[in-house]
Amino acid sequence: MTINPYVPIVGLLILGALFALFSVSIAPIVGPKRFNRAKLDAYECGIEPAPQPIGGGRFPVKFYLTAMLFIIFDIETIFLYPWAVSFDALGLFGFVEMVLFILTVFIAYAYVWRRGGLNWD
């Protein structure tokens, strides 16, 4: 009798979902309920919160560019793991394709770096 190879993955996903649901549902019951003005205020690293315009303030575009850059590198990492596992089976073709992929990502990184997207004013 063989077990389907996806059974452990599905089991882990179910276990994680059950833990998340349990944590969210039990927190209001067992958590402390001592509210005061300081706890209800926004926390900004120990600094008094700055007044915000109605509807929220605008964020500089650099925040979004940096976030997109991190997403690109996360996606690169996601593609590198399966490639590393099947490196022997892919041969030279897989190696060349991954070099081209990494080169493309680093060209984007160099462009953002050259344009000053990583400099904080």
PDB file of N, CA and C in Angstrom:
ATOM      1  N   MET A   1       0.850  -1.181   0.000  1.00  0.00           N
ATOM      2  CA  MET A   1       0.000   0.000   0.000  1.00  0.00           C
ATOM      3  C   MET A   1       0.898   1.248   0.000  1.00  0.00           C
ATOM      4  N   THR A   2       0.675   2.111  -0.965  1.00  0.00           N
ATOM      5  CA  THR A   2       1.470   3.334  -1.053  1.00  0.00           C
ATOM      6  C   THR A   2       0.594   4.538  -0.737  1.00  0.00           C
ATOM      7  N   ILE A   3       1.227   5.516  -0.151  1.00  0.00           N
ATOM      8  CA  ILE A   3       0.533   6.752   0.199  1.00  0.00           C
ATOM      9  C   ILE A   3       0.780   7.765  -0.913  1.00  0.00           C
ATOM     10  N   ASN A   4      -0.258   8.476  -1.247  1.00  0.00           N
ATOM     11  CA  ASN A   4      -0.135   9.537  -2.245  1.00  0.00           C
ATOM     12  C   ASN A   4       0.884  10.564  -1.739  1.00  0.00           C
ATOM     13  N   PRO A   5       1.811  11.005  -2.572  1.00  0.00           N
ATOM     14  CA  PRO A   5       2.844  11.935  -2.084  1.00  0.00           C
ATOM     15  C   PRO A   5       2.300  13.300  -1.653  1.00  0.00           C
ATOM     16  N   TYR A   6       1.077  13.632  -2.021  1.00  0.00           N
ATOM     17  CA  TYR A   6       0.506  14.923  -1.632  1.00  0.00           C
ATOM     18  C   TYR A   6      -0.201  14.878  -0.272  1.00  0.00           C
ATOM     19  N   VAL A   7      -0.366  13.705   0.298  1.00  0.00           N
ATOM     20  CA  VAL A   7      -1.059  13.581   1.586  1.00  0.00           C
ATOM     21  C   VAL A   7      -0.350  14.366   2.695  1.00  0.00           C
ATOM     22  N   PRO A   8       0.978  14.289   2.845  1.00  0.00           N
ATOM     23  CA  PRO A   8       1.619  15.096   3.894  1.00  0.00           C
ATOM     24  C   PRO A   8       1.467  16.598   3.679  1.00  0.00           C
ATOM     25  N   ILE A   9       1.501  17.049   2.431  1.00  0.00           N
ATOM     26  CA  ILE A   9       1.352  18.478   2.152  1.00  0.00           C
ATOM     27  C   ILE A   9      -0.045  18.940   2.506  1.00  0.00           C
ATOM     28  N   VAL A  10      -1.052  18.163   2.096  1.00  0.00           N
ATOM     29  CA  VAL A  10      -2.431  18.518   2.416  1.00  0.00           C
ATOM     30  C   VAL A  10      -2.647  18.477   3.922  1.00  0.00           C
ATOM     31  N   GLY A  11      -2.069  17.477   4.585  1.00  0.00           N
ATOM     32  CA  GLY A  11      -2.192  17.397   6.038  1.00  0.00           C
ATOM     33  C   GLY A  11      -1.579  18.597   6.739  1.00  0.00           C
ATOM     34  N   LEU A  12      -0.424  19.049   6.245  1.00  0.00           N
ATOM     35  CA  LEU A  12       0.223  20.219   6.831  1.00  0.00           C
ATOM     36  C   LEU A  12      -0.605  21.478   6.603  1.00  0.00           C
ATOM     37  N   LEU A  13      -1.184  21.622   5.409  1.00  0.00           N
ATOM     38  CA  LEU A  13      -2.052  22.771   5.142  1.00  0.00           C
ATOM     39  C   LEU A  13      -3.285  22.768   6.048  1.00  0.00           C
ATOM     40  N   ILE A  14      -3.881  21.603   6.232  1.00  0.00           N
ATOM     41  CA  ILE A  14      -5.052  21.504   7.120  1.00  0.00           C
ATOM     42  C   ILE A  14      -4.649  21.825   8.554  1.00  0.00           C
ATOM     43  N   LEU A  15      -3.518  21.304   9.004  1.00  0.00           N
ATOM     44  CA  LEU A  15      -3.048  21.580  10.361  1.00  0.00           C
ATOM     45  C   LEU A  15      -2.784  23.069  10.556  1.00  0.00           C
ATOM     46  N   GLY A  16      -2.165  23.718   9.569  1.00  0.00           N
ATOM     47  CA  GLY A  16      -1.907  25.150   9.653  1.00  0.00           C
ATOM     48  C   GLY A  16      -3.189  25.959   9.679  1.00  0.00           C
ATOM     49  N   ALA A  17      -4.171  25.580   8.857  1.00  0.00           N
ATOM     50  CA  ALA A  17      -5.449  26.289   8.836  1.00  0.00           C
ATOM     51  C   ALA A  17      -6.190  26.119  10.158  1.00  0.00           C
ATOM     52  N   LEU A  18      -6.162  24.917  10.712  1.00  0.00           N
ATOM     53  CA  LEU A  18      -6.823  24.687  12.002  1.00  0.00           C
ATOM     54  C   LEU A  18      -6.152  25.498  13.115  1.00  0.00           C
ATOM     55  N   PHE A  19      -4.830  25.561  13.106  1.00  0.00           N
ATOM     56  CA  PHE A  19      -4.130  26.341  14.113  1.00  0.00           C
ATOM     57  C   PHE A  19      -4.469  27.822  13.987  1.00  0.00           C
ATOM     58  N   ALA A  20      -4.518  28.334  12.753  1.00  0.00           N
ATOM     59  CA  ALA A  20      -4.847  29.746  12.545  1.00  0.00           C
ATOM     60  C   ALA A  20      -6.271  30.035  13.011  1.00  0.00           C
ATOM     61  N   LEU A  21      -7.217  29.188  12.656  1.00  0.00           N
ATOM     62  CA  LEU A  21      -8.605  29.391  13.085  1.00  0.00           C
ATOM     63  C   LEU A  21      -8.729  29.314  14.605  1.00  0.00           C
ATOM     64  N   PHE A  22      -8.039  28.362  15.214  1.00  0.00           N
ATOM     65  CA  PHE A  22      -8.081  28.239  16.669  1.00  0.00           C
ATOM     66  C   PHE A  22      -7.495  29.486  17.335  1.00  0.00           C
ATOM     67  N   SER A  23      -6.351  29.959  16.842  1.00  0.00           N
ATOM     68  CA  SER A  23      -5.702  31.123  17.446  1.00  0.00           C
ATOM     69  C   SER A  23      -6.571  32.371  17.342  1.00  0.00           C
ATOM     70  N   VAL A  24      -7.180  32.581  16.186  1.00  0.00           N
ATOM     71  CA  VAL A  24      -8.011  33.774  15.991  1.00  0.00           C
ATOM     72  C   VAL A  24      -9.288  33.694  16.814  1.00  0.00           C
ATOM     73  N   SER A  25      -9.871  32.511  16.919  1.00  0.00           N
ATOM     74  CA  SER A  25     -11.141  32.399  17.642  1.00  0.00           C
ATOM     75  C   SER A  25     -10.966  32.382  19.159  1.00  0.00           C
ATOM     76  N   ILE A  26      -9.846  31.903  19.673  1.00  0.00           N
ATOM     77  CA  ILE A  26      -9.666  31.810  21.121  1.00  0.00           C
ATOM     78  C   ILE A  26      -9.076  33.092  21.714  1.00  0.00           C
ATOM     79  N   ALA A  27      -8.406  33.921  20.908  1.00  0.00           N
ATOM     80  CA  ALA A  27      -7.750  35.125  21.426  1.00  0.00           C
ATOM     81  C   ALA A  27      -8.717  36.086  22.112  1.00  0.00           C
ATOM     82  N   PRO A  28      -9.888  36.394  21.562  1.00  0.00           N
ATOM     83  CA  PRO A  28     -10.781  37.309  22.273  1.00  0.00           C
ATOM     84  C   PRO A  28     -11.303  36.745  23.600  1.00  0.00           C
ATOM     85  N   ILE A  29     -11.318  35.449  23.716  1.00  0.00           N
ATOM     86  CA  ILE A  29     -11.856  34.826  24.934  1.00  0.00           C
ATOM     87  C   ILE A  29     -10.819  34.841  26.055  1.00  0.00           C
ATOM     88  N   VAL A  30      -9.599  34.446  25.770  1.00  0.00           N
ATOM     89  CA  VAL A  30      -8.597  34.319  26.820  1.00  0.00           C
ATOM     90  C   VAL A  30      -7.670  35.529  26.930  1.00  0.00           C
ATOM     91  N   GLY A  31      -7.723  36.444  25.970  1.00  0.00           N
ATOM     92  CA  GLY A  31      -6.834  37.602  25.984  1.00  0.00           C
ATOM     93  C   GLY A  31      -7.257  38.645  27.001  1.00  0.00           C
ATOM     94  N   PRO A  32      -6.328  39.534  27.393  1.00  0.00           N
ATOM     95  CA  PRO A  32      -6.673  40.594  28.351  1.00  0.00           C
ATOM     96  C   PRO A  32      -7.622  41.609  27.721  1.00  0.00           C
ATOM     97  N   LYS A  33      -8.455  42.190  28.568  1.00  0.00           N
ATOM     98  CA  LYS A  33      -9.437  43.163  28.097  1.00  0.00           C
ATOM     99  C   LYS A  33      -9.298  44.484  28.849  1.00  0.00           C
ATOM    100  N   ARG A  34      -8.083  44.984  28.993  1.00  0.00           N
ATOM    101  CA  ARG A  34      -7.841  46.253  29.665  1.00  0.00           C
ATOM    102  C   ARG A  34      -7.549  47.314  28.619  1.00  0.00           C
ATOM    103  N   PHE A  35      -8.559  48.043  28.224  1.00  0.00           N
ATOM    104  CA  PHE A  35      -8.392  49.069  27.211  1.00  0.00           C
ATOM    105  C   PHE A  35      -8.152  50.416  27.878  1.00  0.00           C
ATOM    106  N   ASN A  36      -7.262  51.200  27.316  1.00  0.00           N
ATOM    107  CA  ASN A  36      -7.050  52.570  27.741  1.00  0.00           C
ATOM    108  C   ASN A  36      -6.683  53.398  26.510  1.00  0.00           C
ATOM    109  N   ARG A  37      -6.525  54.675  26.697  1.00  0.00           N
ATOM    110  CA  ARG A  37      -6.280  55.565  25.563  1.00  0.00           C
ATOM    111  C   ARG A  37      -4.972  55.242  24.855  1.00  0.00           C
ATOM    112  N   ALA A  38      -3.937  54.895  25.609  1.00  0.00           N
ATOM    113  CA  ALA A  38      -2.628  54.614  25.008  1.00  0.00           C
ATOM    114  C   ALA A  38      -2.677  53.364  24.130  1.00  0.00           C
ATOM    115  N   LYS A  39      -3.436  52.367  24.535  1.00  0.00           N
ATOM    116  CA  LYS A  39      -3.510  51.145  23.746  1.00  0.00           C
ATOM    117  C   LYS A  39      -4.353  51.323  22.483  1.00  0.00           C
ATOM    118  N   LEU A  40      -5.281  52.247  22.502  1.00  0.00           N
ATOM    119  CA  LEU A  40      -6.131  52.458  21.342  1.00  0.00           C
ATOM    120  C   LEU A  40      -5.498  53.398  20.318  1.00  0.00           C
ATOM    121  N   ASP A  41      -4.438  54.124  20.699  1.00  0.00           N
ATOM    122  CA  ASP A  41      -3.758  55.016  19.762  1.00  0.00           C
ATOM    123  C   ASP A  41      -2.873  54.212  18.812  1.00  0.00           C
ATOM    124  N   ALA A  42      -2.591  54.809  17.666  1.00  0.00           N
ATOM    125  CA  ALA A  42      -1.671  54.185  16.715  1.00  0.00           C
ATOM    126  C   ALA A  42      -0.261  54.226  17.301  1.00  0.00           C
ATOM    127  N   TYR A  43       0.514  53.181  17.077  1.00  0.00           N
ATOM    128  CA  TYR A  43       1.875  53.099  17.599  1.00  0.00           C
ATOM    129  C   TYR A  43       2.854  53.370  16.469  1.00  0.00           C
ATOM    130  N   GLU A  44       3.725  54.359  16.665  1.00  0.00           N
ATOM    131  CA  GLU A  44       4.721  54.714  15.669  1.00  0.00           C
ATOM    132  C   GLU A  44       6.107  54.722  16.298  1.00  0.00           C
ATOM    133  N   CYS A  45       6.581  53.576  16.699  1.00  0.00           N
ATOM    134  CA  CYS A  45       7.943  53.405  17.227  1.00  0.00           C
ATOM    135  C   CYS A  45       8.220  54.296  18.432  1.00  0.00           C
ATOM    136  N   GLY A  46       7.270  54.507  19.284  1.00  0.00           N
ATOM    137  CA  GLY A  46       7.469  55.291  20.486  1.00  0.00           C
ATOM    138  C   GLY A  46       7.344  56.783  20.280  1.00  0.00           C
ATOM    139  N   ILE A  47       7.124  57.232  19.068  1.00  0.00           N
ATOM    140  CA  ILE A  47       6.967  58.647  18.769  1.00  0.00           C
ATOM    141  C   ILE A  47       5.477  58.969  18.785  1.00  0.00           C
ATOM    142  N   GLU A  48       5.160  60.151  19.242  1.00  0.00           N
ATOM    143  CA  GLU A  48       3.752  60.553  19.228  1.00  0.00           C
ATOM    144  C   GLU A  48       3.225  60.504  17.798  1.00  0.00           C
ATOM    145  N   PRO A  49       2.059  59.930  17.596  1.00  0.00           N
ATOM    146  CA  PRO A  49       1.521  59.818  16.242  1.00  0.00           C
ATOM    147  C   PRO A  49       1.316  61.193  15.601  1.00  0.00           C
ATOM    148  N   ALA A  50       1.711  61.307  14.358  1.00  0.00           N
ATOM    149  CA  ALA A  50       1.537  62.556  13.619  1.00  0.00           C
ATOM    150  C   ALA A  50       0.114  62.617  13.080  1.00  0.00           C
ATOM    151  N   PRO A  51      -0.476  63.787  13.072  1.00  0.00           N
ATOM    152  CA  PRO A  51      -1.835  63.874  12.526  1.00  0.00           C
ATOM    153  C   PRO A  51      -1.847  63.542  11.035  1.00  0.00           C
ATOM    154  N   GLN A  52      -2.839  62.768  10.629  1.00  0.00           N
ATOM    155  CA  GLN A  52      -2.974  62.353   9.241  1.00  0.00           C
ATOM    156  C   GLN A  52      -4.152  63.077   8.597  1.00  0.00           C
ATOM    157  N   PRO A  53      -4.042  63.401   7.331  1.00  0.00           N
ATOM    158  CA  PRO A  53      -5.187  64.009   6.660  1.00  0.00           C
ATOM    159  C   PRO A  53      -6.340  63.011   6.554  1.00  0.00           C
ATOM    160  N   ILE A  54      -7.531  63.520   6.412  1.00  0.00           N
ATOM    161  CA  ILE A  54      -8.698  62.646   6.298  1.00  0.00           C
ATOM    162  C   ILE A  54      -8.565  61.829   5.019  1.00  0.00           C
ATOM    163  N   GLY A  55      -8.776  60.548   5.133  1.00  0.00           N
ATOM    164  CA  GLY A  55      -8.625  59.665   3.986  1.00  0.00           C
ATOM    165  C   GLY A  55      -7.226  59.084   3.874  1.00  0.00           C
ATOM    166  N   GLY A  56      -6.342  59.403   4.798  1.00  0.00           N
ATOM    167  CA  GLY A  56      -4.985  58.861   4.781  1.00  0.00           C
ATOM    168  C   GLY A  56      -4.027  59.719   3.994  1.00  0.00           C
ATOM    169  N   GLY A  57      -2.763  59.574   4.273  1.00  0.00           N
ATOM    170  CA  GLY A  57      -1.740  60.339   3.567  1.00  0.00           C
ATOM    171  C   GLY A  57      -1.211  59.566   2.371  1.00  0.00           C
ATOM    172  N   ARG A  58      -0.429  60.220   1.575  1.00  0.00           N
ATOM    173  CA  ARG A  58       0.173  59.583   0.405  1.00  0.00           C
ATOM    174  C   ARG A  58       1.550  59.039   0.771  1.00  0.00           C
ATOM    175  N   PHE A  59       1.856  57.892   0.213  1.00  0.00           N
ATOM    176  CA  PHE A  59       3.171  57.302   0.387  1.00  0.00           C
ATOM    177  C   PHE A  59       4.016  57.621  -0.837  1.00  0.00           C
ATOM    178  N   PRO A  60       5.299  57.853  -0.631  1.00  0.00           N
ATOM    179  CA  PRO A  60       6.168  58.064  -1.797  1.00  0.00           C
ATOM    180  C   PRO A  60       6.225  56.798  -2.659  1.00  0.00           C
ATOM    181  N   VAL A  61       6.484  56.966  -3.934  1.00  0.00           N
ATOM    182  CA  VAL A  61       6.537  55.850  -4.873  1.00  0.00           C
ATOM    183  C   VAL A  61       7.667  54.893  -4.521  1.00  0.00           C
ATOM    184  N   LYS A  62       8.711  55.378  -3.845  1.00  0.00           N
ATOM    185  CA  LYS A  62       9.847  54.511  -3.492  1.00  0.00           C
ATOM    186  C   LYS A  62       9.421  53.332  -2.624  1.00  0.00           C
ATOM    187  N   PHE A  63       8.402  53.531  -1.782  1.00  0.00           N
ATOM    188  CA  PHE A  63       7.919  52.410  -0.970  1.00  0.00           C
ATOM    189  C   PHE A  63       7.407  51.294  -1.861  1.00  0.00           C
ATOM    190  N   TYR A  64       6.653  51.646  -2.887  1.00  0.00           N
ATOM    191  CA  TYR A  64       6.093  50.646  -3.785  1.00  0.00           C
ATOM    192  C   TYR A  64       7.179  49.999  -4.645  1.00  0.00           C
ATOM    193  N   LEU A  65       8.160  50.790  -5.082  1.00  0.00           N
ATOM    194  CA  LEU A  65       9.243  50.226  -5.876  1.00  0.00           C
ATOM    195  C   LEU A  65      10.055  49.222  -5.066  1.00  0.00           C
ATOM    196  N   THR A  66      10.324  49.570  -3.816  1.00  0.00           N
ATOM    197  CA  THR A  66      11.067  48.651  -2.958  1.00  0.00           C
ATOM    198  C   THR A  66      10.269  47.378  -2.706  1.00  0.00           C
ATOM    199  N   ALA A  67       8.966  47.511  -2.488  1.00  0.00           N
ATOM    200  CA  ALA A  67       8.129  46.337  -2.277  1.00  0.00           C
ATOM    201  C   ALA A  67       8.118  45.446  -3.516  1.00  0.00           C
ATOM    202  N   MET A  68       8.030  46.051  -4.696  1.00  0.00           N
ATOM    203  CA  MET A  68       8.051  45.257  -5.926  1.00  0.00           C
ATOM    204  C   MET A  68       9.399  44.577  -6.123  1.00  0.00           C
ATOM    205  N   LEU A  69      10.473  45.233  -5.727  1.00  0.00           N
ATOM    206  CA  LEU A  69      11.794  44.627  -5.838  1.00  0.00           C
ATOM    207  C   LEU A  69      11.906  43.401  -4.935  1.00  0.00           C
ATOM    208  N   PHE A  70      11.390  43.503  -3.720  1.00  0.00           N
ATOM    209  CA  PHE A  70      11.404  42.345  -2.829  1.00  0.00           C
ATOM    210  C   PHE A  70      10.546  41.211  -3.386  1.00  0.00           C
ATOM    211  N   ILE A  71       9.419  41.534  -3.996  1.00  0.00           N
ATOM    212  CA  ILE A  71       8.568  40.499  -4.588  1.00  0.00           C
ATOM    213  C   ILE A  71       9.300  39.804  -5.722  1.00  0.00           C
ATOM    214  N   ILE A  72      10.023  40.561  -6.535  1.00  0.00           N
ATOM    215  CA  ILE A  72      10.788  39.959  -7.631  1.00  0.00           C
ATOM    216  C   ILE A  72      11.811  38.969  -7.089  1.00  0.00           C
ATOM    217  N   PHE A  73      12.513  39.330  -6.015  1.00  0.00           N
ATOM    218  CA  PHE A  73      13.507  38.414  -5.474  1.00  0.00           C
ATOM    219  C   PHE A  73      12.873  37.221  -4.780  1.00  0.00           C
ATOM    220  N   ASP A  74      11.676  37.386  -4.222  1.00  0.00           N
ATOM    221  CA  ASP A  74      10.958  36.237  -3.673  1.00  0.00           C
ATOM    222  C   ASP A  74      10.572  35.271  -4.782  1.00  0.00           C
ATOM    223  N   ILE A  75      10.099  35.803  -5.899  1.00  0.00           N
ATOM    224  CA  ILE A  75       9.728  34.942  -7.023  1.00  0.00           C
ATOM    225  C   ILE A  75      10.959  34.235  -7.573  1.00  0.00           C
ATOM    226  N   GLU A  76      12.068  34.930  -7.602  1.00  0.00           N
ATOM    227  CA  GLU A  76      13.306  34.285  -8.055  1.00  0.00           C
ATOM    228  C   GLU A  76      13.660  33.113  -7.155  1.00  0.00           C
ATOM    229  N   THR A  77      13.525  33.297  -5.861  1.00  0.00           N
ATOM    230  CA  THR A  77      13.824  32.216  -4.927  1.00  0.00           C
ATOM    231  C   THR A  77      12.871  31.042  -5.123  1.00  0.00           C
ATOM    232  N   ILE A  78      11.607  31.340  -5.378  1.00  0.00           N
ATOM    233  CA  ILE A  78      10.630  30.272  -5.606  1.00  0.00           C
ATOM    234  C   ILE A  78      11.000  29.461  -6.848  1.00  0.00           C
ATOM    235  N   PHE A  79      11.525  30.100  -7.879  1.00  0.00           N
ATOM    236  CA  PHE A  79      11.934  29.382  -9.079  1.00  0.00           C
ATOM    237  C   PHE A  79      13.256  28.644  -8.892  1.00  0.00           C
ATOM    238  N   LEU A  80      14.107  29.109  -7.998  1.00  0.00           N
ATOM    239  CA  LEU A  80      15.402  28.464  -7.814  1.00  0.00           C
ATOM    240  C   LEU A  80      15.302  27.116  -7.096  1.00  0.00           C
ATOM    241  N   TYR A  81      14.362  26.955  -6.178  1.00  0.00           N
ATOM    242  CA  TYR A  81      14.263  25.696  -5.432  1.00  0.00           C
ATOM    243  C   TYR A  81      13.952  24.498  -6.323  1.00  0.00           C
ATOM    244  N   PRO A  82      12.896  24.541  -7.159  1.00  0.00           N
ATOM    245  CA  PRO A  82      12.661  23.369  -8.017  1.00  0.00           C
ATOM    246  C   PRO A  82      13.783  23.138  -9.028  1.00  0.00           C
ATOM    247  N   TRP A  83      14.399  24.210  -9.477  1.00  0.00           N
ATOM    248  CA  TRP A  83      15.515  24.060 -10.416  1.00  0.00           C
ATOM    249  C   TRP A  83      16.673  23.340  -9.733  1.00  0.00           C
ATOM    250  N   ALA A  84      16.955  23.689  -8.479  1.00  0.00           N
ATOM    251  CA  ALA A  84      18.057  23.044  -7.763  1.00  0.00           C
ATOM    252  C   ALA A  84      17.775  21.566  -7.522  1.00  0.00           C
ATOM    253  N   VAL A  85      16.504  21.237  -7.285  1.00  0.00           N
ATOM    254  CA  VAL A  85      16.148  19.837  -7.034  1.00  0.00           C
ATOM    255  C   VAL A  85      16.312  19.004  -8.302  1.00  0.00           C
ATOM    256  N   SER A  86      15.931  19.545  -9.450  1.00  0.00           N
ATOM    257  CA  SER A  86      15.995  18.773 -10.697  1.00  0.00           C
ATOM    258  C   SER A  86      17.162  19.211 -11.583  1.00  0.00           C
ATOM    259  N   PHE A  87      18.215  19.703 -10.994  1.00  0.00           N
ATOM    260  CA  PHE A  87      19.358  20.206 -11.762  1.00  0.00           C
ATOM    261  C   PHE A  87      19.975  19.116 -12.628  1.00  0.00           C
ATOM    262  N   ASP A  88      20.150  17.910 -12.090  1.00  0.00           N
ATOM    263  CA  ASP A  88      20.775  16.825 -12.856  1.00  0.00           C
ATOM    264  C   ASP A  88      19.931  16.417 -14.050  1.00  0.00           C
ATOM    265  N   ALA A  89      18.610  16.406 -13.882  1.00  0.00           N
ATOM    266  CA  ALA A  89      17.728  15.974 -14.972  1.00  0.00           C
ATOM    267  C   ALA A  89      17.637  17.018 -16.084  1.00  0.00           C
ATOM    268  N   LEU A  90      17.812  18.290 -15.749  1.00  0.00           N
ATOM    269  CA  LEU A  90      17.663  19.346 -16.755  1.00  0.00           C
ATOM    270  C   LEU A  90      18.894  19.486 -17.647  1.00  0.00           C
ATOM    271  N   GLY A  91      20.040  19.190 -17.111  1.00  0.00           N
ATOM    272  CA  GLY A  91      21.256  19.245 -17.905  1.00  0.00           C
ATOM    273  C   GLY A  91      21.669  20.667 -18.258  1.00  0.00           C
ATOM    274  N   LEU A  92      22.359  20.784 -19.385  1.00  0.00           N
ATOM    275  CA  LEU A  92      22.896  22.062 -19.819  1.00  0.00           C
ATOM    276  C   LEU A  92      21.786  23.056 -20.168  1.00  0.00           C
ATOM    277  N   PHE A  93      20.691  22.549 -20.758  1.00  0.00           N
ATOM    278  CA  PHE A  93      19.569  23.420 -21.110  1.00  0.00           C
ATOM    279  C   PHE A  93      19.011  24.131 -19.876  1.00  0.00           C
ATOM    280  N   GLY A  94      18.793  23.392 -18.792  1.00  0.00           N
ATOM    281  CA  GLY A  94      18.288  23.983 -17.558  1.00  0.00           C
ATOM    282  C   GLY A  94      19.252  24.986 -16.964  1.00  0.00           C
ATOM    283  N   PHE A  95      20.549  24.691 -17.070  1.00  0.00           N
ATOM    284  CA  PHE A  95      21.555  25.612 -16.546  1.00  0.00           C
ATOM    285  C   PHE A  95      21.542  26.928 -17.316  1.00  0.00           C
ATOM    286  N   VAL A  96      21.496  26.850 -18.650  1.00  0.00           N
ATOM    287  CA  VAL A  96      21.490  28.060 -19.475  1.00  0.00           C
ATOM    288  C   VAL A  96      20.219  28.865 -19.219  1.00  0.00           C
ATOM    289  N   GLU A  97      19.078  28.203 -19.115  1.00  0.00           N
ATOM    290  CA  GLU A  97      17.821  28.904 -18.857  1.00  0.00           C
ATOM    291  C   GLU A  97      17.856  29.627 -17.502  1.00  0.00           C
ATOM    292  N   MET A  98      18.420  28.994 -16.483  1.00  0.00           N
ATOM    293  CA  MET A  98      18.477  29.637 -15.174  1.00  0.00           C
ATOM    294  C   MET A  98      19.466  30.794 -15.172  1.00  0.00           C
ATOM    295  N   VAL A  99      20.557  30.668 -15.895  1.00  0.00           N
ATOM    296  CA  VAL A  99      21.508  31.782 -15.998  1.00  0.00           C
ATOM    297  C   VAL A  99      20.826  32.970 -16.677  1.00  0.00           C
ATOM    298  N   LEU A 100      20.057  32.718 -17.729  1.00  0.00           N
ATOM    299  CA  LEU A 100      19.328  33.802 -18.393  1.00  0.00           C
ATOM    300  C   LEU A 100      18.292  34.428 -17.469  1.00  0.00           C
ATOM    301  N   PHE A 101      17.603  33.606 -16.686  1.00  0.00           N
ATOM    302  CA  PHE A 101      16.597  34.116 -15.745  1.00  0.00           C
ATOM    303  C   PHE A 101      17.248  34.998 -14.680  1.00  0.00           C
ATOM    304  N   ILE A 102      18.336  34.516 -14.084  1.00  0.00           N
ATOM    305  CA  ILE A 102      19.022  35.289 -13.042  1.00  0.00           C
ATOM    306  C   ILE A 102      19.613  36.568 -13.635  1.00  0.00           C
ATOM    307  N   LEU A 103      20.138  36.486 -14.835  1.00  0.00           N
ATOM    308  CA  LEU A 103      20.679  37.663 -15.503  1.00  0.00           C
ATOM    309  C   LEU A 103      19.588  38.710 -15.725  1.00  0.00           C
ATOM    310  N   THR A 104      18.409  38.268 -16.127  1.00  0.00           N
ATOM    311  CA  THR A 104      17.289  39.196 -16.318  1.00  0.00           C
ATOM    312  C   THR A 104      16.904  39.873 -15.008  1.00  0.00           C
ATOM    313  N   VAL A 105      16.857  39.108 -13.936  1.00  0.00           N
ATOM    314  CA  VAL A 105      16.500  39.680 -12.635  1.00  0.00           C
ATOM    315  C   VAL A 105      17.566  40.674 -12.180  1.00  0.00           C
ATOM    316  N   PHE A 106      18.823  40.363 -12.376  1.00  0.00           N
ATOM    317  CA  PHE A 106      19.874  41.277 -11.948  1.00  0.00           C
ATOM    318  C   PHE A 106      19.972  42.520 -12.825  1.00  0.00           C
ATOM    319  N   ILE A 107      19.561  42.419 -14.070  1.00  0.00           N
ATOM    320  CA  ILE A 107      19.482  43.625 -14.896  1.00  0.00           C
ATOM    321  C   ILE A 107      18.428  44.568 -14.326  1.00  0.00           C
ATOM    322  N   ALA A 108      17.279  44.012 -13.919  1.00  0.00           N
ATOM    323  CA  ALA A 108      16.241  44.843 -13.291  1.00  0.00           C
ATOM    324  C   ALA A 108      16.760  45.441 -11.983  1.00  0.00           C
ATOM    325  N   TYR A 109      17.495  44.661 -11.208  1.00  0.00           N
ATOM    326  CA  TYR A 109      18.062  45.146  -9.951  1.00  0.00           C
ATOM    327  C   TYR A 109      19.060  46.280 -10.207  1.00  0.00           C
ATOM    328  N   ALA A 110      19.926  46.098 -11.201  1.00  0.00           N
ATOM    329  CA  ALA A 110      20.901  47.138 -11.521  1.00  0.00           C
ATOM    330  C   ALA A 110      20.209  48.413 -12.004  1.00  0.00           C
ATOM    331  N   TYR A 111      19.130  48.256 -12.747  1.00  0.00           N
ATOM    332  CA  TYR A 111      18.381  49.425 -13.224  1.00  0.00           C
ATOM    333  C   TYR A 111      17.802  50.208 -12.051  1.00  0.00           C
ATOM    334  N   VAL A 112      17.183  49.491 -11.114  1.00  0.00           N
ATOM    335  CA  VAL A 112      16.596  50.159  -9.945  1.00  0.00           C
ATOM    336  C   VAL A 112      17.690  50.808  -9.111  1.00  0.00           C
ATOM    337  N   TRP A 113      18.817  50.135  -8.954  1.00  0.00           N
ATOM    338  CA  TRP A 113      19.928  50.673  -8.182  1.00  0.00           C
ATOM    339  C   TRP A 113      20.488  51.924  -8.859  1.00  0.00           C
ATOM    340  N   ARG A 114      20.656  51.864 -10.165  1.00  0.00           N
ATOM    341  CA  ARG A 114      21.206  53.006 -10.916  1.00  0.00           C
ATOM    342  C   ARG A 114      20.278  54.205 -10.866  1.00  0.00           C
ATOM    343  N   ARG A 115      18.974  53.968 -10.892  1.00  0.00           N
ATOM    344  CA  ARG A 115      17.989  55.047 -10.862  1.00  0.00           C
ATOM    345  C   ARG A 115      17.787  55.616  -9.459  1.00  0.00           C
ATOM    346  N   GLY A 116      18.428  55.012  -8.440  1.00  0.00           N
ATOM    347  CA  GLY A 116      18.323  55.530  -7.085  1.00  0.00           C
ATOM    348  C   GLY A 116      17.115  55.011  -6.328  1.00  0.00           C
ATOM    349  N   GLY A 117      16.533  53.925  -6.790  1.00  0.00           N
ATOM    350  CA  GLY A 117      15.361  53.372  -6.118  1.00  0.00           C
ATOM    351  C   GLY A 117      15.660  52.768  -4.762  1.00  0.00           C
ATOM    352  N   LEU A 118      16.929  52.497  -4.481  1.00  0.00           N
ATOM    353  CA  LEU A 118      17.305  51.914  -3.194  1.00  0.00           C
ATOM    354  C   LEU A 118      17.854  52.928  -2.203  1.00  0.00           C
ATOM    355  N   ASN A 119      17.959  54.181  -2.616  1.00  0.00           N
ATOM    356  CA  ASN A 119      18.457  55.246  -1.729  1.00  0.00           C
ATOM    357  C   ASN A 119      17.297  55.856  -0.961  1.00  0.00           C
ATOM    358  N   TRP A 120      17.462  55.941   0.356  1.00  0.00           N
ATOM    359  CA  TRP A 120      16.433  56.573   1.190  1.00  0.00           C
ATOM    360  C   TRP A 120      16.899  57.977   1.535  1.00  0.00           C
ATOM    361  N   ASP A 121      16.048  58.936   1.266  1.00  0.00           N
ATOM    362  CA  ASP A 121      16.406  60.335   1.527  1.00  0.00           C
ATOM    363  C   ASP A 121      16.122  60.706   2.959  1.00  0.00           C
TER     364      ASP A 121
END
